[in-house]
C-alpha atoms as a PDB file:
ATOM      1  CA  MET A   1     -58.905  41.204 -52.425  1.00  0.00           C
ATOM      2  CA  ILE A   2     -59.418  38.647 -55.194  1.00  0.00           C
ATOM      3  CA  GLY A   3     -58.008  35.438 -53.729  1.00  0.00           C
ATOM      4  CA  LEU A   4     -55.890  34.454 -56.751  1.00  0.00           C
ATOM      5  CA  PRO A   5     -53.304  36.645 -58.490  1.00  0.00           C
ATOM      6  CA  ALA A   6     -54.384  38.303 -61.709  1.00  0.00           C
ATOM      7  CA  SER A   7     -51.369  36.889 -63.474  1.00  0.00           C
ATOM      8  CA  GLN A   8     -48.768  34.273 -62.794  1.00  0.00           C
ATOM      9  CA  THR A   9     -46.227  32.026 -64.449  1.00  0.00           C
ATOM     10  CA  PHE A  10     -47.181  28.580 -63.230  1.00  0.00           C
ATOM     11  CA  THR A  11     -44.917  25.590 -62.787  1.00  0.00           C
ATOM     12  CA  VAL A  12     -46.072  22.579 -64.730  1.00  0.00           C
ATOM     13  CA  GLU A  13     -44.292  20.461 -67.307  1.00  0.00           C
ATOM     14  CA  ALA A  14     -43.127  22.504 -70.312  1.00  0.00           C
ATOM     15  CA  ILE A  15     -43.939  21.808 -73.953  1.00  0.00           C
ATOM     16  CA  GLN A  16     -41.925  22.819 -76.979  1.00  0.00           C
ATOM     17  CA  PRO A  17     -42.665  26.106 -78.782  1.00  0.00           C
ATOM     18  CA  GLY A  18     -45.468  25.867 -81.324  1.00  0.00           C
ATOM     19  CA  THR A  19     -49.145  26.582 -81.738  1.00  0.00           C
ATOM     20  CA  VAL A  20     -50.185  24.698 -78.566  1.00  0.00           C
ATOM     21  CA  MET A  21     -49.903  26.883 -75.455  1.00  0.00           C
ATOM     22  CA  ILE A  22     -51.437  24.634 -72.766  1.00  0.00           C
ATOM     23  CA  GLU A  23     -52.267  20.947 -72.958  1.00  0.00           C
ATOM     24  CA  ALA A  24     -54.013  18.654 -70.464  1.00  0.00           C
ATOM     25  CA  ALA A  25     -53.820  14.880 -70.918  1.00  0.00           C
ATOM     26  CA  GLN A  26     -55.676  12.238 -68.872  1.00  0.00           C
ATOM     27  CA  LEU A  27     -56.191  14.962 -66.262  1.00  0.00           C
ATOM     28  CA  SER A  28     -58.023  14.043 -63.056  1.00  0.00           C
ATOM     29  CA  VAL A  29     -58.501  16.109 -59.891  1.00  0.00           C
ATOM     30  CA  ASP A  30     -59.633  14.675 -56.554  1.00  0.00           C
ATOM     31  CA  TYR A  31     -60.297  16.881 -53.522  1.00  0.00           C
ATOM     32  CA  GLY A  32     -60.560  13.842 -51.238  1.00  0.00           C
ATOM     33  CA  VAL A  33     -64.304  13.333 -51.597  1.00  0.00           C
ATOM     34  CA  GLY A  34     -64.262  11.827 -55.067  1.00  0.00           C
ATOM     35  CA  GLU A  35     -62.976  12.962 -58.430  1.00  0.00           C
ATOM     36  CA  VAL A  36     -64.068  16.397 -59.588  1.00  0.00           C
ATOM     37  CA  LEU A  37     -62.425  15.903 -62.994  1.00  0.00           C
ATOM     38  CA  THR A  38     -61.818  12.560 -64.697  1.00  0.00           C
ATOM     39  CA  ASP A  39     -59.547  11.805 -67.655  1.00  0.00           C
ATOM     40  CA  VAL A  40     -59.805  15.273 -69.231  1.00  0.00           C
ATOM     41  CA  ALA A  41     -57.964  15.903 -72.499  1.00  0.00           C
ATOM     42  CA  LEU A  42     -57.850  19.497 -73.728  1.00  0.00           C
ATOM     43  CA  SER A  43     -55.434  21.713 -75.629  1.00  0.00           C
ATOM     44  CA  ILE A  44     -55.374  25.502 -75.899  1.00  0.00           C
ATOM     45  CA  ALA A  45     -53.682  26.919 -78.993  1.00  0.00           C
ATOM     46  CA  ASP A  46     -52.542  30.382 -80.060  1.00  0.00           C
ATOM     47  CA  SER A  47     -55.473  32.789 -80.562  1.00  0.00           C
ATOM     48  CA  ASP A  48     -58.067  30.295 -79.334  1.00  0.00           C
ATOM     49  CA  LEU A  49     -61.367  31.627 -77.985  1.00  0.00           C
ATOM     50  CA  VAL A  50     -62.843  28.794 -75.943  1.00  0.00           C
ATOM     51  CA  GLY A  51     -65.979  28.574 -73.824  1.00  0.00           C
ATOM     52  CA  ILE A  52     -66.288  25.795 -71.237  1.00  0.00           C
ATOM     53  CA  VAL A  53     -69.900  24.987 -70.359  1.00  0.00           C
ATOM     54  CA  GLY A  54     -71.563  22.514 -68.050  1.00  0.00           C
ATOM     55  CA  PRO A  55     -73.929  22.268 -65.083  1.00  0.00           C
ATOM     56  CA  SER A  56     -73.057  23.463 -61.582  1.00  0.00           C
ATOM     57  CA  GLY A  57     -70.572  21.063 -60.007  1.00  0.00           C
ATOM     58  CA  SER A  58     -69.305  19.829 -63.379  1.00  0.00           C
ATOM     59  CA  GLY A  59     -65.726  20.918 -62.642  1.00  0.00           C
ATOM     60  CA  LYS A  60     -65.488  24.060 -64.790  1.00  0.00           C
ATOM     61  CA  SER A  61     -63.734  26.223 -62.195  1.00  0.00           C
ATOM     62  CA  THR A  62     -61.532  23.320 -61.121  1.00  0.00           C
ATOM     63  CA  LEU A  63     -60.444  22.809 -64.726  1.00  0.00           C
ATOM     64  CA  LEU A  64     -59.420  26.462 -64.974  1.00  0.00           C
ATOM     65  CA  LYS A  65     -57.424  26.149 -61.747  1.00  0.00           C
ATOM     66  CA  ALA A  66     -55.734  22.974 -62.986  1.00  0.00           C
ATOM     67  CA  LEU A  67     -54.776  24.683 -66.255  1.00  0.00           C
ATOM     68  CA  LEU A  68     -53.522  27.686 -64.275  1.00  0.00           C
ATOM     69  CA  GLY A  69     -51.443  25.415 -62.051  1.00  0.00           C
ATOM     70  CA  THR A  70     -53.111  26.395 -58.766  1.00  0.00           C
ATOM     71  CA  VAL A  71     -54.661  22.930 -58.308  1.00  0.00           C
ATOM     72  CA  ALA A  72     -52.490  19.826 -58.532  1.00  0.00           C
ATOM     73  CA  PRO A  73     -53.787  16.916 -60.643  1.00  0.00           C
ATOM     74  CA  SER A  74     -54.385  13.605 -58.896  1.00  0.00           C
ATOM     75  CA  ALA A  75     -53.576  11.932 -62.221  1.00  0.00           C
ATOM     76  CA  GLY A  76     -52.497  12.989 -65.697  1.00  0.00           C
ATOM     77  CA  THR A  77     -50.496  16.017 -66.764  1.00  0.00           C
ATOM     78  CA  VAL A  78     -50.818  19.694 -67.601  1.00  0.00           C
ATOM     79  CA  LYS A  79     -48.145  21.040 -69.928  1.00  0.00           C
ATOM     80  CA  LYS A  80     -47.553  24.649 -70.913  1.00  0.00           C
ATOM     81  CA  ARG A  81     -45.324  26.521 -73.295  1.00  0.00           C
ATOM     82  CA  SER A  82     -42.103  27.518 -71.572  1.00  0.00           C
ATOM     83  CA  GLY A  83     -42.304  31.009 -70.063  1.00  0.00           C
ATOM     84  CA  LEU A  84     -46.022  31.358 -70.774  1.00  0.00           C
ATOM     85  CA  THR A  85     -47.743  34.009 -68.665  1.00  0.00           C
ATOM     86  CA  VAL A  86     -51.450  33.781 -67.967  1.00  0.00           C
ATOM     87  CA  GLY A  87     -54.003  36.146 -66.481  1.00  0.00           C
ATOM     88  CA  LEU A  88     -57.063  35.336 -64.400  1.00  0.00           C
ATOM     89  CA  VAL A  89     -60.344  37.220 -64.168  1.00  0.00           C
ATOM     90  CA  PRO A  90     -62.108  35.631 -61.157  1.00  0.00           C
ATOM     91  CA  GLN A  91     -65.800  35.330 -60.438  1.00  0.00           C
ATOM     92  CA  VAL A  92     -67.244  38.626 -59.227  1.00  0.00           C
ATOM     93  CA  GLU A  93     -68.478  36.891 -56.068  1.00  0.00           C
ATOM     94  CA  GLN A  94     -64.835  36.372 -55.038  1.00  0.00           C
ATOM     95  CA  ILE A  95     -64.047  40.083 -55.118  1.00  0.00           C
ATOM     96  CA  ASP A  96     -64.373  42.449 -52.160  1.00  0.00           C
ATOM     97  CA  TRP A  97     -65.873  45.464 -53.890  1.00  0.00           C
ATOM     98  CA  SER A  98     -65.662  47.530 -50.688  1.00  0.00           C
ATOM     99  CA  PHE A  99     -61.852  47.417 -50.794  1.00  0.00           C
ATOM    100  CA  PRO A 100     -60.772  51.108 -50.832  1.00  0.00           C
ATOM    101  CA  VAL A 101     -59.119  51.324 -54.221  1.00  0.00           C
ATOM    102  CA  THR A 102     -59.673  53.258 -57.433  1.00  0.00           C
ATOM    103  CA  VAL A 103     -59.889  51.745 -60.898  1.00  0.00           C
ATOM    104  CA  ALA A 104     -56.354  52.843 -61.815  1.00  0.00           C
ATOM    105  CA  GLU A 105     -54.936  51.566 -58.521  1.00  0.00           C
ATOM    106  CA  CYS A 106     -56.743  48.247 -58.917  1.00  0.00           C
ATOM    107  CA  VAL A 107     -55.236  47.749 -62.363  1.00  0.00           C
ATOM    108  CA  GLY A 108     -51.762  48.842 -61.249  1.00  0.00           C
ATOM    109  CA  MET A 109     -51.751  46.409 -58.317  1.00  0.00           C
ATOM    110  CA  ALA A 110     -51.941  43.470 -60.736  1.00  0.00           C
ATOM    111  CA  ARG A 111     -48.279  43.726 -61.689  1.00  0.00           C
ATOM    112  CA  ALA A 112     -45.855  42.092 -59.239  1.00  0.00           C
ATOM    113  CA  ARG A 113     -43.560  44.597 -57.515  1.00  0.00           C
ATOM    114  CA  GLY A 114     -40.314  44.368 -55.614  1.00  0.00           C
ATOM    115  CA  TRP A 115     -39.574  46.313 -52.457  1.00  0.00           C
ATOM    116  CA  ARG A 116     -37.412  48.751 -54.442  1.00  0.00           C
ATOM    117  CA  THR A 117     -40.360  50.101 -56.481  1.00  0.00           C
ATOM    118  CA  PRO A 118     -43.560  49.381 -54.536  1.00  0.00           C
ATOM    119  CA  TRP A 119     -45.383  52.249 -56.239  1.00  0.00           C
ATOM    120  CA  ILE A 120     -46.796  52.718 -59.743  1.00  0.00           C
ATOM    121  CA  THR A 121     -44.240  54.408 -61.985  1.00  0.00           C
ATOM    122  CA  ARG A 122     -44.962  57.227 -64.423  1.00  0.00           C
ATOM    123  CA  ALA A 123     -44.488  54.844 -67.352  1.00  0.00           C
ATOM    124  CA  GLU A 124     -46.937  52.392 -65.799  1.00  0.00           C
ATOM    125  CA  ARG A 125     -49.514  55.142 -65.355  1.00  0.00           C
ATOM    126  CA  GLY A 126     -49.347  55.679 -69.088  1.00  0.00           C
ATOM    127  CA  GLU A 127     -49.790  51.946 -69.696  1.00  0.00           C
ATOM    128  CA  ILE A 128     -52.787  51.883 -67.358  1.00  0.00           C
ATOM    129  CA  CYS A 129     -54.425  54.741 -69.259  1.00  0.00           C
ATOM    130  CA  GLU A 130     -53.851  52.882 -72.535  1.00  0.00           C
ATOM    131  CA  VAL A 131     -55.395  49.666 -71.178  1.00  0.00           C
ATOM    132  CA  LEU A 132     -58.407  51.515 -69.764  1.00  0.00           C
ATOM    133  CA  GLU A 133     -58.922  53.279 -73.095  1.00  0.00           C
ATOM    134  CA  ARG A 134     -58.660  49.951 -74.926  1.00  0.00           C
ATOM    135  CA  LEU A 135     -61.479  48.556 -72.772  1.00  0.00           C
ATOM    136  CA  GLY A 136     -63.745  51.587 -72.952  1.00  0.00           C
ATOM    137  CA  LEU A 137     -62.974  52.806 -69.419  1.00  0.00           C
ATOM    138  CA  THR A 138     -61.452  56.169 -70.324  1.00  0.00           C
ATOM    139  CA  GLY A 139     -62.058  58.754 -67.597  1.00  0.00           C
ATOM    140  CA  LEU A 140     -62.902  56.199 -64.905  1.00  0.00           C
ATOM    141  CA  GLY A 141     -59.410  55.736 -63.461  1.00  0.00           C
ATOM    142  CA  HIS A 142     -60.200  57.872 -60.404  1.00  0.00           C
ATOM    143  CA  ARG A 143     -63.505  56.132 -59.628  1.00  0.00           C
ATOM    144  CA  HIS A 144     -63.846  53.675 -56.751  1.00  0.00           C
ATOM    145  CA  ILE A 145     -64.398  50.141 -58.055  1.00  0.00           C
ATOM    146  CA  ARG A 146     -67.573  49.762 -55.963  1.00  0.00           C
ATOM    147  CA  ASP A 147     -69.195  52.665 -57.839  1.00  0.00           C
ATOM    148  CA  LEU A 148     -69.000  50.972 -61.245  1.00  0.00           C
ATOM    149  CA  SER A 149     -71.649  48.966 -63.064  1.00  0.00           C
ATOM    150  CA  GLY A 150     -71.318  45.191 -63.303  1.00  0.00           C
ATOM    151  CA  GLY A 151     -70.026  45.359 -66.858  1.00  0.00           C
ATOM    152  CA  GLN A 152     -67.484  48.048 -65.955  1.00  0.00           C
ATOM    153  CA  GLN A 153     -66.263  45.990 -63.000  1.00  0.00           C
ATOM    154  CA  GLN A 154     -65.671  43.025 -65.297  1.00  0.00           C
ATOM    155  CA  ARG A 155     -63.698  45.270 -67.643  1.00  0.00           C
ATOM    156  CA  VAL A 156     -61.525  46.505 -64.766  1.00  0.00           C
ATOM    157  CA  PHE A 157     -60.428  42.991 -63.904  1.00  0.00           C
ATOM    158  CA  LEU A 158     -59.904  42.216 -67.555  1.00  0.00           C
ATOM    159  CA  ALA A 159     -57.731  45.355 -67.656  1.00  0.00           C
ATOM    160  CA  ARG A 160     -55.699  43.945 -64.755  1.00  0.00           C
ATOM    161  CA  ALA A 161     -54.933  40.837 -66.775  1.00  0.00           C
ATOM    162  CA  LEU A 162     -54.021  42.847 -69.887  1.00  0.00           C
ATOM    163  CA  PHE A 163     -51.769  45.129 -67.825  1.00  0.00           C
ATOM    164  CA  THR A 164     -49.631  42.112 -66.888  1.00  0.00           C
ATOM    165  CA  LYS A 165     -48.992  41.373 -70.598  1.00  0.00           C
ATOM    166  CA  ALA A 166     -50.700  37.987 -70.226  1.00  0.00           C
ATOM    167  CA  GLU A 167     -50.631  35.799 -73.328  1.00  0.00           C
ATOM    168  CA  VAL A 168     -53.623  33.731 -72.211  1.00  0.00           C
ATOM    169  CA  ILE A 169     -56.521  35.041 -70.131  1.00  0.00           C
ATOM    170  CA  PHE A 170     -58.841  32.775 -68.143  1.00  0.00           C
ATOM    171  CA  LEU A 171     -62.235  34.142 -67.087  1.00  0.00           C
ATOM    172  CA  ASP A 172     -64.418  32.334 -64.556  1.00  0.00           C
ATOM    173  CA  GLU A 173     -68.112  33.062 -65.229  1.00  0.00           C
ATOM    174  CA  PRO A 174     -67.494  36.562 -66.699  1.00  0.00           C
ATOM    175  CA  THR A 175     -71.181  37.080 -67.568  1.00  0.00           C
ATOM    176  CA  SER A 176     -72.629  35.847 -64.263  1.00  0.00           C
ATOM    177  CA  GLY A 177     -75.112  38.291 -62.742  1.00  0.00           C
ATOM    178  CA  LEU A 178     -75.105  40.626 -65.746  1.00  0.00           C
ATOM    179  CA  ASP A 179     -78.171  41.699 -67.700  1.00  0.00           C
ATOM    180  CA  VAL A 180     -78.662  40.593 -71.308  1.00  0.00           C
ATOM    181  CA  ARG A 181     -77.243  43.780 -72.865  1.00  0.00           C
ATOM    182  CA  THR A 182     -74.164  43.765 -70.630  1.00  0.00           C
ATOM    183  CA  ARG A 183     -73.543  40.049 -71.220  1.00  0.00           C
ATOM    184  CA  HIS A 184     -73.577  40.728 -74.955  1.00  0.00           C
ATOM    185  CA  ASP A 185     -71.179  43.664 -74.555  1.00  0.00           C
ATOM    186  CA  VAL A 186     -68.711  41.615 -72.479  1.00  0.00           C
ATOM    187  CA  LEU A 187     -68.713  38.718 -74.948  1.00  0.00           C
ATOM    188  CA  HIS A 188     -68.385  41.121 -77.879  1.00  0.00           C
ATOM    189  CA  LEU A 189     -65.376  42.739 -76.183  1.00  0.00           C
ATOM    190  CA  LEU A 190     -63.747  39.341 -75.618  1.00  0.00           C
ATOM    191  CA  ASN A 191     -64.314  38.525 -79.275  1.00  0.00           C
ATOM    192  CA  GLU A 192     -62.630  41.794 -80.295  1.00  0.00           C
ATOM    193  CA  LEU A 193     -59.625  41.099 -78.036  1.00  0.00           C
ATOM    194  CA  ASN A 194     -59.349  37.616 -79.501  1.00  0.00           C
ATOM    195  CA  GLN A 195     -59.383  39.077 -83.019  1.00  0.00           C
ATOM    196  CA  GLN A 196     -56.388  41.153 -81.919  1.00  0.00           C
ATOM    197  CA  GLY A 197     -54.503  37.945 -81.084  1.00  0.00           C
ATOM    198  CA  LEU A 198     -55.284  37.339 -77.400  1.00  0.00           C
ATOM    199  CA  THR A 199     -55.963  33.740 -76.363  1.00  0.00           C
ATOM    200  CA  ILE A 200     -59.057  33.502 -74.138  1.00  0.00           C
ATOM    201  CA  VAL A 201     -60.611  30.658 -72.154  1.00  0.00           C
ATOM    202  CA  LEU A 202     -63.801  31.214 -70.169  1.00  0.00           C
ATOM    203  CA  THR A 203     -66.385  29.275 -68.211  1.00  0.00           C
ATOM    204  CA  THR A 204     -70.064  30.128 -68.419  1.00  0.00           C
ATOM    205  CA  HIS A 205     -73.643  28.912 -68.061  1.00  0.00           C
ATOM    206  CA  ASP A 206     -74.721  31.104 -70.995  1.00  0.00           C
ATOM    207  CA  LEU A 207     -75.031  28.548 -73.801  1.00  0.00           C
ATOM    208  CA  ASN A 208     -76.684  30.880 -76.274  1.00  0.00           C
ATOM    209  CA  GLY A 209     -74.296  33.747 -75.571  1.00  0.00           C
ATOM    210  CA  ILE A 210     -71.224  31.694 -76.382  1.00  0.00           C
ATOM    211  CA  ALA A 211     -72.937  30.082 -79.365  1.00  0.00           C
ATOM    212  CA  ALA A 212     -73.281  33.570 -80.846  1.00  0.00           C
ATOM    213  CA  HIS A 213     -69.782  34.800 -79.986  1.00  0.00           C
ATOM    214  CA  LEU A 214     -67.342  31.903 -79.534  1.00  0.00           C
ATOM    215  CA  PRO A 215     -65.958  29.605 -82.251  1.00  0.00           C
ATOM    216  CA  LYS A 216     -65.014  26.739 -79.899  1.00  0.00           C
ATOM    217  CA  ILE A 217     -67.068  25.181 -77.102  1.00  0.00           C
ATOM    218  CA  VAL A 218     -66.139  22.486 -74.586  1.00  0.00           C
ATOM    219  CA  CYS A 219     -69.009  20.646 -72.868  1.00  0.00           C
ATOM    220  CA  LEU A 220     -67.823  19.394 -69.483  1.00  0.00           C
ATOM    221  CA  ASN A 221     -69.359  17.183 -66.832  1.00  0.00           C
ATOM    222  CA  LYS A 222     -66.331  15.910 -64.913  1.00  0.00           C
ATOM    223  CA  SER A 223     -65.072  14.622 -68.277  1.00  0.00           C
ATOM    224  CA  VAL A 224     -65.105  16.319 -71.674  1.00  0.00           C
ATOM    225  CA  ILE A 225     -68.391  15.279 -73.306  1.00  0.00           C
ATOM    226  CA  GLY A 226     -67.800  17.171 -76.535  1.00  0.00           C
ATOM    227  CA  ALA A 227     -65.523  19.846 -77.997  1.00  0.00           C
ATOM    228  CA  GLY A 228     -65.678  21.760 -81.248  1.00  0.00           C
ATOM    229  CA  SER A 229     -67.668  24.445 -83.040  1.00  0.00           C
ATOM    230  CA  PRO A 230     -71.218  25.344 -81.909  1.00  0.00           C
ATOM    231  CA  GLU A 231     -72.543  23.349 -84.882  1.00  0.00           C
ATOM    232  CA  GLU A 232     -70.607  20.275 -83.753  1.00  0.00           C
ATOM    233  CA  VAL A 233     -71.242  20.518 -80.012  1.00  0.00           C
ATOM    234  CA  LEU A 234     -74.683  22.080 -79.580  1.00  0.00           C
ATOM    235  CA  VAL A 235     -76.553  18.925 -80.537  1.00  0.00           C
ATOM    236  CA  PRO A 236     -79.160  17.073 -78.442  1.00  0.00           C
ATOM    237  CA  ASP A 237     -77.034  14.026 -77.621  1.00  0.00           C
ATOM    238  CA  VAL A 238     -74.031  15.999 -76.360  1.00  0.00           C
ATOM    239  CA  LEU A 239     -76.157  18.456 -74.380  1.00  0.00           C
ATOM    240  CA  GLU A 240     -78.252  15.733 -72.742  1.00  0.00           C
ATOM    241  CA  ARG A 241     -75.119  13.841 -71.691  1.00  0.00           C
ATOM    242  CA  THR A 242     -73.666  17.095 -70.366  1.00  0.00           C
ATOM    243  CA  TYR A 243     -76.697  18.389 -68.468  1.00  0.00           C
ATOM    244  CA  GLY A 244     -78.647  15.189 -67.833  1.00  0.00           C
ATOM    245  CA  SER A 245     -81.757  16.682 -69.380  1.00  0.00           C
ATOM    246  CA  PRO A 246     -83.132  16.822 -72.950  1.00  0.00           C
ATOM    247  CA  MET A 247     -82.883  20.125 -74.787  1.00  0.00           C
ATOM    248  CA  HIS A 248     -84.257  21.510 -78.032  1.00  0.00           C
ATOM    249  CA  ILE A 249     -81.935  23.038 -80.632  1.00  0.00           C
ATOM    250  CA  LEU A 250     -83.492  25.750 -82.799  1.00  0.00           C
ATOM    251  CA  GLU A 251     -82.048  27.574 -85.800  1.00  0.00           C
ATOM    252  CA  HIS A 252     -82.587  31.333 -85.721  1.00  0.00           C
ATOM    253  CA  GLY A 253     -80.804  33.907 -87.861  1.00  0.00           C
ATOM    254  CA  GLY A 254     -78.186  31.378 -88.879  1.00  0.00           C
ATOM    255  CA  MET A 255     -77.311  30.564 -85.257  1.00  0.00           C
ATOM    256  CA  ARG A 256     -78.170  27.697 -82.947  1.00  0.00           C
ATOM    257  CA  VAL A 257     -80.408  28.459 -79.977  1.00  0.00           C
ATOM    258  CA  VAL A 258     -80.708  26.056 -77.045  1.00  0.00           C
ATOM    259  CA  VAL A 259     -83.968  25.810 -75.101  1.00  0.00           C
ATOM    260  CA  ASP A 260     -85.042  23.453 -72.346  1.00  0.00           C
ATOM    261  CA  ALA A 261     -87.427  20.738 -73.451  1.00  0.00           C
ATOM    262  CA  PRO A 262     -90.858  20.974 -71.741  1.00  0.00           C
ATOM    263  CA  LEU A 263     -91.422  18.434 -68.988  1.00  0.00           C
ATOM    264  CA  GLY A 264     -92.397  15.083 -70.431  1.00  0.00           C
ATOM    265  CA  VAL A 265     -91.076  15.904 -73.907  1.00  0.00           C
ATOM    266  CA  VAL A 266     -88.110  13.883 -75.118  1.00  0.00           C
ATOM    267  CA  GLY A 267     -86.553  13.040 -78.449  1.00  0.00           C
ATOM    268  CA  ASP A 268     -84.267  14.501 -81.071  1.00  0.00           C
ATOM    269  CA  SER A 269     -85.114  18.122 -81.774  1.00  0.00           C
ATOM    270  CA  ASP A 270     -82.055  19.058 -83.832  1.00  0.00           C
ATOM    271  CA  GLY A 271     -82.757  21.101 -86.906  1.00  0.00           C
ATOM    272  CA  ALA A 272     -85.939  22.823 -85.775  1.00  0.00           C
ATOM    273  CA  THR A 273     -86.333  26.392 -86.950  1.00  0.00           C
ATOM    274  CA  ALA A 274     -87.570  29.543 -85.327  1.00  0.00           C
END
């Protein structure tokens, strides 16, 4: 139904216990038609909330897969803390919403089962109810997943990852196709979960959304162009090297806002106010 499992323990080189959970060094990925990622260095630490941004084709989804361990590097290494379990929330376009399953069943199917107990246990039903309540989905367990709103569907697949007790959750374009209000709600929810100690890594095209909600941003275009806080990364030079086009940076309400530069307008626009 979703292509990749919601949670897995992946097999890459282990690192010693500590604050770093996943670390990529000199990471390159080549699908046979040229490198998709080149010499990427990135570390994910306990309680990180990281947004990976970049243009289409920049390697964002491939980087997630490499960190998950579902894509093998052509060069470099990916190391993870021993025994680390991760969860994946895939792009909504990868999900068959017509699959005949309820919200509760969809969440329960995320946990791997042996042939001895192929069904959801009574204890697990209680856990599912707790996860749904935590994500604001109380009372929707019996609903078919196709009958939910876009924001509710995203929460269901986030609930799947939480149900597996994942320590790190990866989300691929979690705000894609959502309206402004719902995008804000999803990012606000992720921020709340991070405040509770969950480590979260997501990809997105929504520069301004993550600038308002995420403390760490990685600008990617096959290589890491910049990484740090919104104040450090959302600057004209980094954004132009990431997207290949000049952008204006405005200050509004104490936050940085990125806007496309009008055609024919170039130059440093950092520090403008709105």
